[in-house]
Amino acid sequence: MSSNPVLVLDIDGVVSLAQPGSARPWSATLKADWGFDQEEIARDFFRREFMEVLRGRLDLYVALQAYFQSKGLADRLDEFVAYWFEKDCVIDRGVLAQADAWRTRTGGRCFAATNQEHHRVTYLRDHAGLGAHFDEIVYSAALGVCKPERVFYTSAQARMGVTVAQSILFVDDRAENVDAARAAGWRAMLYRGQESLEKALAEWG
């Protein structure tokens, strides 16, 4: 257990910048490539079965199977997941460099805390190389609960081995997640680009 400074970063919107609504959304050519768009798959999958996937109650491939069968694309399921993961991996190496420099300067630990399912975490950790920058990626499917639910933060804190909640600085691009972290006793900031993070890290640890 430790009360030393701990930096905790969200992934989508902070470390990875391809989420819907971003400058480079992963689904930009989805309609042309697959015949359905982001709104359709969000309505019929991401806002439905995928929520159970994020909580670790359903495997991604099992959940996607029914959706792809309905479109006559069941035989292309593996191809789609590979496409999605590659497109949804626009890593901000500047943010990672800032986190690495902070860890070197302070001797503190650095984690990711994110709403993710098992397969994409493996992809991000091993293929995209995020594992080299974090002590661990703590994620919803492993904890059984998603941000901004309070149990996510208490479970993540236990997983990280942190006894003093105020030793954590949490960085997320969604206000509801930041508010929930503060309610759980963490220090937290709303991410507004690399400059906002640089300023915060200069004063942290």
C-alpha atoms as a PDB file:
ATOM      1  CA  MET A   1       0.000   0.000   0.000  1.00  0.00           C
ATOM      2  CA  SER A   2       1.177   3.523  -0.689  1.00  0.00           C
ATOM      3  CA  SER A   3       0.277   7.150  -0.041  1.00  0.00           C
ATOM      4  CA  ASN A   4       2.894   8.447  -2.515  1.00  0.00           C
ATOM      5  CA  PRO A   5       1.592  10.566  -5.420  1.00  0.00           C
ATOM      6  CA  VAL A   6      -0.436   8.631  -7.971  1.00  0.00           C
ATOM      7  CA  LEU A   7      -1.404   9.893 -11.413  1.00  0.00           C
ATOM      8  CA  VAL A   8      -4.462   8.285 -12.997  1.00  0.00           C
ATOM      9  CA  LEU A   9      -5.403   9.011 -16.617  1.00  0.00           C
ATOM     10  CA  ASP A  10      -8.539   8.203 -18.550  1.00  0.00           C
ATOM     11  CA  ILE A  11      -7.871   6.614 -21.946  1.00  0.00           C
ATOM     12  CA  ASP A  12     -10.549   7.682 -24.452  1.00  0.00           C
ATOM     13  CA  GLY A  13     -10.456  11.462 -24.687  1.00  0.00           C
ATOM     14  CA  VAL A  14      -7.123  11.848 -22.872  1.00  0.00           C
ATOM     15  CA  VAL A  15      -4.647   9.212 -24.087  1.00  0.00           C
ATOM     16  CA  SER A  16      -6.543   8.022 -27.173  1.00  0.00           C
ATOM     17  CA  LEU A  17      -8.197  10.659 -29.344  1.00  0.00           C
ATOM     18  CA  ALA A  18     -10.420   8.776 -31.800  1.00  0.00           C
ATOM     19  CA  GLN A  19     -13.695   8.772 -29.880  1.00  0.00           C
ATOM     20  CA  PRO A  20     -16.918   9.972 -31.573  1.00  0.00           C
ATOM     21  CA  GLY A  21     -17.040  13.763 -31.580  1.00  0.00           C
ATOM     22  CA  SER A  22     -13.260  14.123 -31.730  1.00  0.00           C
ATOM     23  CA  ALA A  23     -11.272  15.627 -34.587  1.00  0.00           C
ATOM     24  CA  ARG A  24     -10.381  12.120 -35.833  1.00  0.00           C
ATOM     25  CA  PRO A  25     -13.249   9.786 -34.872  1.00  0.00           C
ATOM     26  CA  TRP A  26     -12.617   6.101 -35.483  1.00  0.00           C
ATOM     27  CA  SER A  27     -15.943   5.840 -37.310  1.00  0.00           C
ATOM     28  CA  ALA A  28     -15.232   8.559 -39.903  1.00  0.00           C
ATOM     29  CA  THR A  29     -15.326   6.105 -42.841  1.00  0.00           C
ATOM     30  CA  LEU A  30     -17.514   3.479 -41.186  1.00  0.00           C
ATOM     31  CA  LYS A  31     -20.455   3.959 -43.551  1.00  0.00           C
ATOM     32  CA  ALA A  32     -18.309   3.693 -46.655  1.00  0.00           C
ATOM     33  CA  ASP A  33     -16.353   0.728 -45.320  1.00  0.00           C
ATOM     34  CA  TRP A  34     -19.125  -1.298 -43.680  1.00  0.00           C
ATOM     35  CA  GLY A  35     -22.491   0.043 -44.837  1.00  0.00           C
ATOM     36  CA  PHE A  36     -23.639   1.357 -41.442  1.00  0.00           C
ATOM     37  CA  ASP A  37     -22.714   4.517 -39.577  1.00  0.00           C
ATOM     38  CA  GLN A  38     -21.768   5.442 -36.019  1.00  0.00           C
ATOM     39  CA  GLU A  39     -25.285   6.451 -35.025  1.00  0.00           C
ATOM     40  CA  GLU A  40     -26.725   3.142 -36.181  1.00  0.00           C
ATOM     41  CA  ILE A  41     -24.224   0.932 -34.382  1.00  0.00           C
ATOM     42  CA  ALA A  42     -24.394   3.178 -31.323  1.00  0.00           C
ATOM     43  CA  ARG A  43     -28.185   2.846 -31.210  1.00  0.00           C
ATOM     44  CA  ASP A  44     -28.306  -0.880 -31.879  1.00  0.00           C
ATOM     45  CA  PHE A  45     -25.170  -2.061 -30.086  1.00  0.00           C
ATOM     46  CA  PHE A  46     -23.040   0.407 -28.126  1.00  0.00           C
ATOM     47  CA  ARG A  47     -25.955   1.738 -26.067  1.00  0.00           C
ATOM     48  CA  ARG A  48     -27.384  -1.739 -25.566  1.00  0.00           C
ATOM     49  CA  GLU A  49     -25.424  -5.017 -25.265  1.00  0.00           C
ATOM     50  CA  PHE A  50     -22.103  -3.222 -25.191  1.00  0.00           C
ATOM     51  CA  MET A  51     -22.910  -1.798 -21.757  1.00  0.00           C
ATOM     52  CA  GLU A  52     -22.870  -5.360 -20.426  1.00  0.00           C
ATOM     53  CA  VAL A  53     -19.582  -5.948 -22.238  1.00  0.00           C
ATOM     54  CA  LEU A  54     -18.066  -2.916 -20.520  1.00  0.00           C
ATOM     55  CA  ARG A  55     -19.078  -4.352 -17.156  1.00  0.00           C
ATOM     56  CA  GLY A  56     -17.468  -7.690 -17.932  1.00  0.00           C
ATOM     57  CA  ARG A  57     -20.773  -9.578 -18.006  1.00  0.00           C
ATOM     58  CA  LEU A  58     -20.709 -10.449 -21.712  1.00  0.00           C
ATOM     59  CA  ASP A  59     -17.859 -11.125 -24.118  1.00  0.00           C
ATOM     60  CA  LEU A  60     -17.432  -8.625 -26.929  1.00  0.00           C
ATOM     61  CA  TYR A  61     -17.533 -11.227 -29.696  1.00  0.00           C
ATOM     62  CA  VAL A  62     -20.630 -12.891 -28.296  1.00  0.00           C
ATOM     63  CA  ALA A  63     -22.380  -9.529 -28.009  1.00  0.00           C
ATOM     64  CA  LEU A  64     -21.445  -8.469 -31.541  1.00  0.00           C
ATOM     65  CA  GLN A  65     -22.450 -11.773 -33.121  1.00  0.00           C
ATOM     66  CA  ALA A  66     -26.193 -11.098 -33.065  1.00  0.00           C
ATOM     67  CA  TYR A  67     -25.773  -7.590 -34.487  1.00  0.00           C
ATOM     68  CA  PHE A  68     -23.564  -8.816 -37.310  1.00  0.00           C
ATOM     69  CA  GLN A  69     -25.827 -11.750 -38.046  1.00  0.00           C
ATOM     70  CA  SER A  70     -28.724  -9.328 -38.515  1.00  0.00           C
ATOM     71  CA  LYS A  71     -26.669  -7.598 -41.214  1.00  0.00           C
ATOM     72  CA  GLY A  72     -25.457 -10.762 -42.908  1.00  0.00           C
ATOM     73  CA  LEU A  73     -21.920 -10.008 -41.784  1.00  0.00           C
ATOM     74  CA  ALA A  74     -21.361 -12.741 -39.195  1.00  0.00           C
ATOM     75  CA  ASP A  75     -18.407 -14.156 -41.138  1.00  0.00           C
ATOM     76  CA  ARG A  76     -16.640 -10.760 -40.945  1.00  0.00           C
ATOM     77  CA  LEU A  77     -16.824 -10.279 -37.175  1.00  0.00           C
ATOM     78  CA  ASP A  78     -13.086 -10.718 -36.539  1.00  0.00           C
ATOM     79  CA  GLU A  79     -12.332  -8.384 -39.429  1.00  0.00           C
ATOM     80  CA  PHE A  80     -14.581  -5.697 -37.961  1.00  0.00           C
ATOM     81  CA  VAL A  81     -13.068  -5.866 -34.480  1.00  0.00           C
ATOM     82  CA  ALA A  82      -9.576  -5.550 -35.974  1.00  0.00           C
ATOM     83  CA  TYR A  83     -10.779  -2.568 -38.038  1.00  0.00           C
ATOM     84  CA  TRP A  84     -12.404  -0.897 -35.025  1.00  0.00           C
ATOM     85  CA  PHE A  85      -9.430  -1.369 -32.704  1.00  0.00           C
ATOM     86  CA  GLU A  86      -6.961  -0.054 -35.283  1.00  0.00           C
ATOM     87  CA  LYS A  87      -9.074   2.995 -36.155  1.00  0.00           C
ATOM     88  CA  ASP A  88      -9.808   3.668 -32.478  1.00  0.00           C
ATOM     89  CA  CYS A  89      -6.127   3.884 -31.592  1.00  0.00           C
ATOM     90  CA  VAL A  90      -4.985   7.451 -32.169  1.00  0.00           C
ATOM     91  CA  ILE A  91      -2.575   7.693 -29.245  1.00  0.00           C
ATOM     92  CA  ASP A  92      -1.472  11.088 -27.961  1.00  0.00           C
ATOM     93  CA  ARG A  93       2.187  10.359 -27.402  1.00  0.00           C
ATOM     94  CA  GLY A  94       2.640  13.843 -25.954  1.00  0.00           C
ATOM     95  CA  VAL A  95       0.352  12.990 -23.047  1.00  0.00           C
ATOM     96  CA  LEU A  96       2.244   9.759 -22.443  1.00  0.00           C
ATOM     97  CA  ALA A  97       5.540  11.659 -22.508  1.00  0.00           C
ATOM     98  CA  GLN A  98       4.206  14.068 -19.892  1.00  0.00           C
ATOM     99  CA  ALA A  99       3.127  11.171 -17.685  1.00  0.00           C
ATOM    100  CA  ASP A 100       6.501   9.458 -18.114  1.00  0.00           C
ATOM    101  CA  ALA A 101       8.348  12.658 -17.211  1.00  0.00           C
ATOM    102  CA  TRP A 102       6.155  13.168 -14.155  1.00  0.00           C
ATOM    103  CA  ARG A 103       6.806   9.623 -12.973  1.00  0.00           C
ATOM    104  CA  THR A 104      10.563  10.060 -13.435  1.00  0.00           C
ATOM    105  CA  ARG A 105      10.569  13.387 -11.593  1.00  0.00           C
ATOM    106  CA  THR A 106       8.405  12.374  -8.648  1.00  0.00           C
ATOM    107  CA  GLY A 107       8.910   8.632  -8.331  1.00  0.00           C
ATOM    108  CA  GLY A 108       5.127   8.365  -8.264  1.00  0.00           C
ATOM    109  CA  ARG A 109       3.033   5.684  -9.908  1.00  0.00           C
ATOM    110  CA  CYS A 110       0.884   6.113 -12.999  1.00  0.00           C
ATOM    111  CA  PHE A 111      -2.285   4.179 -13.873  1.00  0.00           C
ATOM    112  CA  ALA A 112      -5.025   4.325 -16.478  1.00  0.00           C
ATOM    113  CA  ALA A 113      -8.617   4.121 -15.209  1.00  0.00           C
ATOM    114  CA  THR A 114     -11.061   3.589 -18.029  1.00  0.00           C
ATOM    115  CA  ASN A 115     -14.343   2.142 -19.209  1.00  0.00           C
ATOM    116  CA  GLN A 116     -13.092  -0.667 -21.450  1.00  0.00           C
ATOM    117  CA  GLU A 117     -13.713  -4.312 -22.247  1.00  0.00           C
ATOM    118  CA  HIS A 118     -11.116  -7.063 -22.050  1.00  0.00           C
ATOM    119  CA  HIS A 119     -10.138  -7.414 -25.714  1.00  0.00           C
ATOM    120  CA  ARG A 120      -9.497  -3.728 -26.361  1.00  0.00           C
ATOM    121  CA  VAL A 121      -7.475  -3.373 -23.167  1.00  0.00           C
ATOM    122  CA  THR A 122      -5.231  -6.189 -24.375  1.00  0.00           C
ATOM    123  CA  TYR A 123      -4.880  -4.439 -27.738  1.00  0.00           C
ATOM    124  CA  LEU A 124      -4.072  -1.057 -26.163  1.00  0.00           C
ATOM    125  CA  ARG A 125      -1.698  -2.495 -23.584  1.00  0.00           C
ATOM    126  CA  ASP A 126       0.242  -4.855 -25.840  1.00  0.00           C
ATOM    127  CA  HIS A 127      -0.177  -3.751 -29.465  1.00  0.00           C
ATOM    128  CA  ALA A 128      -0.386   0.022 -28.922  1.00  0.00           C
ATOM    129  CA  GLY A 129       2.263  -0.105 -26.203  1.00  0.00           C
ATOM    130  CA  LEU A 130       0.337   1.536 -23.383  1.00  0.00           C
ATOM    131  CA  GLY A 131       1.546  -1.119 -20.964  1.00  0.00           C
ATOM    132  CA  ALA A 132       4.997   0.476 -20.962  1.00  0.00           C
ATOM    133  CA  HIS A 133       3.609   3.759 -19.629  1.00  0.00           C
ATOM    134  CA  PHE A 134       1.313   2.581 -16.829  1.00  0.00           C
ATOM    135  CA  ASP A 135       1.798   0.485 -13.734  1.00  0.00           C
ATOM    136  CA  GLU A 136      -1.555  -1.034 -14.685  1.00  0.00           C
ATOM    137  CA  ILE A 137      -4.627  -0.318 -16.781  1.00  0.00           C
ATOM    138  CA  VAL A 138      -7.556  -0.509 -14.366  1.00  0.00           C
ATOM    139  CA  TYR A 139     -10.761  -0.957 -16.325  1.00  0.00           C
ATOM    140  CA  SER A 140     -14.476  -1.459 -15.965  1.00  0.00           C
ATOM    141  CA  ALA A 141     -14.813  -5.017 -17.299  1.00  0.00           C
ATOM    142  CA  ALA A 142     -12.245  -6.229 -14.763  1.00  0.00           C
ATOM    143  CA  LEU A 143     -13.936  -4.332 -11.915  1.00  0.00           C
ATOM    144  CA  GLY A 144     -17.507  -5.177 -12.949  1.00  0.00           C
ATOM    145  CA  VAL A 145     -18.617  -1.556 -12.837  1.00  0.00           C
ATOM    146  CA  CYS A 146     -18.277   1.564 -14.992  1.00  0.00           C
ATOM    147  CA  LYS A 147     -17.449   5.184 -14.351  1.00  0.00           C
ATOM    148  CA  PRO A 148     -19.075   7.312 -13.026  1.00  0.00           C
ATOM    149  CA  GLU A 149     -20.495   4.815 -10.528  1.00  0.00           C
ATOM    150  CA  ARG A 150     -18.893   5.316  -7.112  1.00  0.00           C
ATOM    151  CA  VAL A 151     -17.910   1.657  -6.785  1.00  0.00           C
ATOM    152  CA  PHE A 152     -15.651   2.055  -9.820  1.00  0.00           C
ATOM    153  CA  TYR A 153     -13.475   4.512  -7.900  1.00  0.00           C
ATOM    154  CA  THR A 154     -13.398   2.646  -4.614  1.00  0.00           C
ATOM    155  CA  SER A 155     -12.619  -0.622  -6.403  1.00  0.00           C
ATOM    156  CA  ALA A 156      -9.969   1.040  -8.579  1.00  0.00           C
ATOM    157  CA  GLN A 157      -8.328   2.584  -5.533  1.00  0.00           C
ATOM    158  CA  ALA A 158      -8.133  -0.818  -3.855  1.00  0.00           C
ATOM    159  CA  ARG A 159      -6.783  -2.353  -7.063  1.00  0.00           C
ATOM    160  CA  MET A 160      -4.056   0.308  -7.213  1.00  0.00           C
ATOM    161  CA  GLY A 161      -3.128  -0.305  -3.571  1.00  0.00           C
ATOM    162  CA  VAL A 162      -3.716   3.306  -2.551  1.00  0.00           C
ATOM    163  CA  THR A 163      -4.733   3.948   1.059  1.00  0.00           C
ATOM    164  CA  VAL A 164      -5.005   7.757   0.894  1.00  0.00           C
ATOM    165  CA  ALA A 165      -7.552   8.894  -1.692  1.00  0.00           C
ATOM    166  CA  GLN A 166      -6.131  12.423  -1.799  1.00  0.00           C
ATOM    167  CA  SER A 167      -2.805  11.046  -3.062  1.00  0.00           C
ATOM    168  CA  ILE A 168      -4.520  10.402  -6.412  1.00  0.00           C
ATOM    169  CA  LEU A 169      -4.747  12.968  -9.202  1.00  0.00           C
ATOM    170  CA  PHE A 170      -7.316  11.753 -11.729  1.00  0.00           C
ATOM    171  CA  VAL A 171      -7.533  13.236 -15.230  1.00  0.00           C
ATOM    172  CA  ASP A 172     -10.654  12.697 -17.358  1.00  0.00           C
ATOM    173  CA  ASP A 173     -12.351  14.554 -20.209  1.00  0.00           C
ATOM    174  CA  ARG A 174     -15.895  13.984 -18.894  1.00  0.00           C
ATOM    175  CA  ALA A 175     -17.201  16.224 -16.122  1.00  0.00           C
ATOM    176  CA  GLU A 176     -19.422  13.531 -14.594  1.00  0.00           C
ATOM    177  CA  ASN A 177     -16.413  11.252 -14.154  1.00  0.00           C
ATOM    178  CA  VAL A 178     -14.377  14.025 -12.556  1.00  0.00           C
ATOM    179  CA  ASP A 179     -17.222  14.902 -10.183  1.00  0.00           C
ATOM    180  CA  ALA A 180     -17.649  11.254  -9.194  1.00  0.00           C
ATOM    181  CA  ALA A 181     -13.926  10.901  -8.510  1.00  0.00           C
ATOM    182  CA  ARG A 182     -14.003  13.934  -6.249  1.00  0.00           C
ATOM    183  CA  ALA A 183     -17.021  12.532  -4.438  1.00  0.00           C
ATOM    184  CA  ALA A 184     -14.960   9.388  -3.796  1.00  0.00           C
ATOM    185  CA  GLY A 185     -12.223  11.516  -2.235  1.00  0.00           C
ATOM    186  CA  TRP A 186      -9.818  11.681  -5.162  1.00  0.00           C
ATOM    187  CA  ARG A 187      -8.274  14.848  -6.481  1.00  0.00           C
ATOM    188  CA  ALA A 188      -9.471  15.218 -10.053  1.00  0.00           C
ATOM    189  CA  MET A 189      -9.218  17.589 -13.003  1.00  0.00           C
ATOM    190  CA  LEU A 190     -11.187  17.987 -16.205  1.00  0.00           C
ATOM    191  CA  TYR A 191      -8.864  17.444 -19.143  1.00  0.00           C
ATOM    192  CA  ARG A 192      -8.721  20.306 -21.612  1.00  0.00           C
ATOM    193  CA  GLY A 193      -5.685  19.424 -23.687  1.00  0.00           C
ATOM    194  CA  GLN A 194      -1.973  18.948 -23.131  1.00  0.00           C
ATOM    195  CA  GLU A 195      -1.419  22.425 -21.707  1.00  0.00           C
ATOM    196  CA  SER A 196      -3.935  21.837 -18.930  1.00  0.00           C
ATOM    197  CA  LEU A 197      -2.210  18.576 -18.034  1.00  0.00           C
ATOM    198  CA  GLU A 198       1.256  20.101 -18.161  1.00  0.00           C
ATOM    199  CA  LYS A 199       0.222  22.824 -15.729  1.00  0.00           C
ATOM    200  CA  ALA A 200      -1.394  20.349 -13.332  1.00  0.00           C
ATOM    201  CA  LEU A 201       1.567  17.962 -13.352  1.00  0.00           C
ATOM    202  CA  ALA A 202       4.036  20.782 -12.680  1.00  0.00           C
ATOM    203  CA  GLU A 203       2.237  21.306  -9.366  1.00  0.00           C
ATOM    204  CA  TRP A 204       1.561  17.637  -8.510  1.00  0.00           C
ATOM    205  CA  GLY A 205       3.891  15.411  -6.517  1.00  0.00           C
END
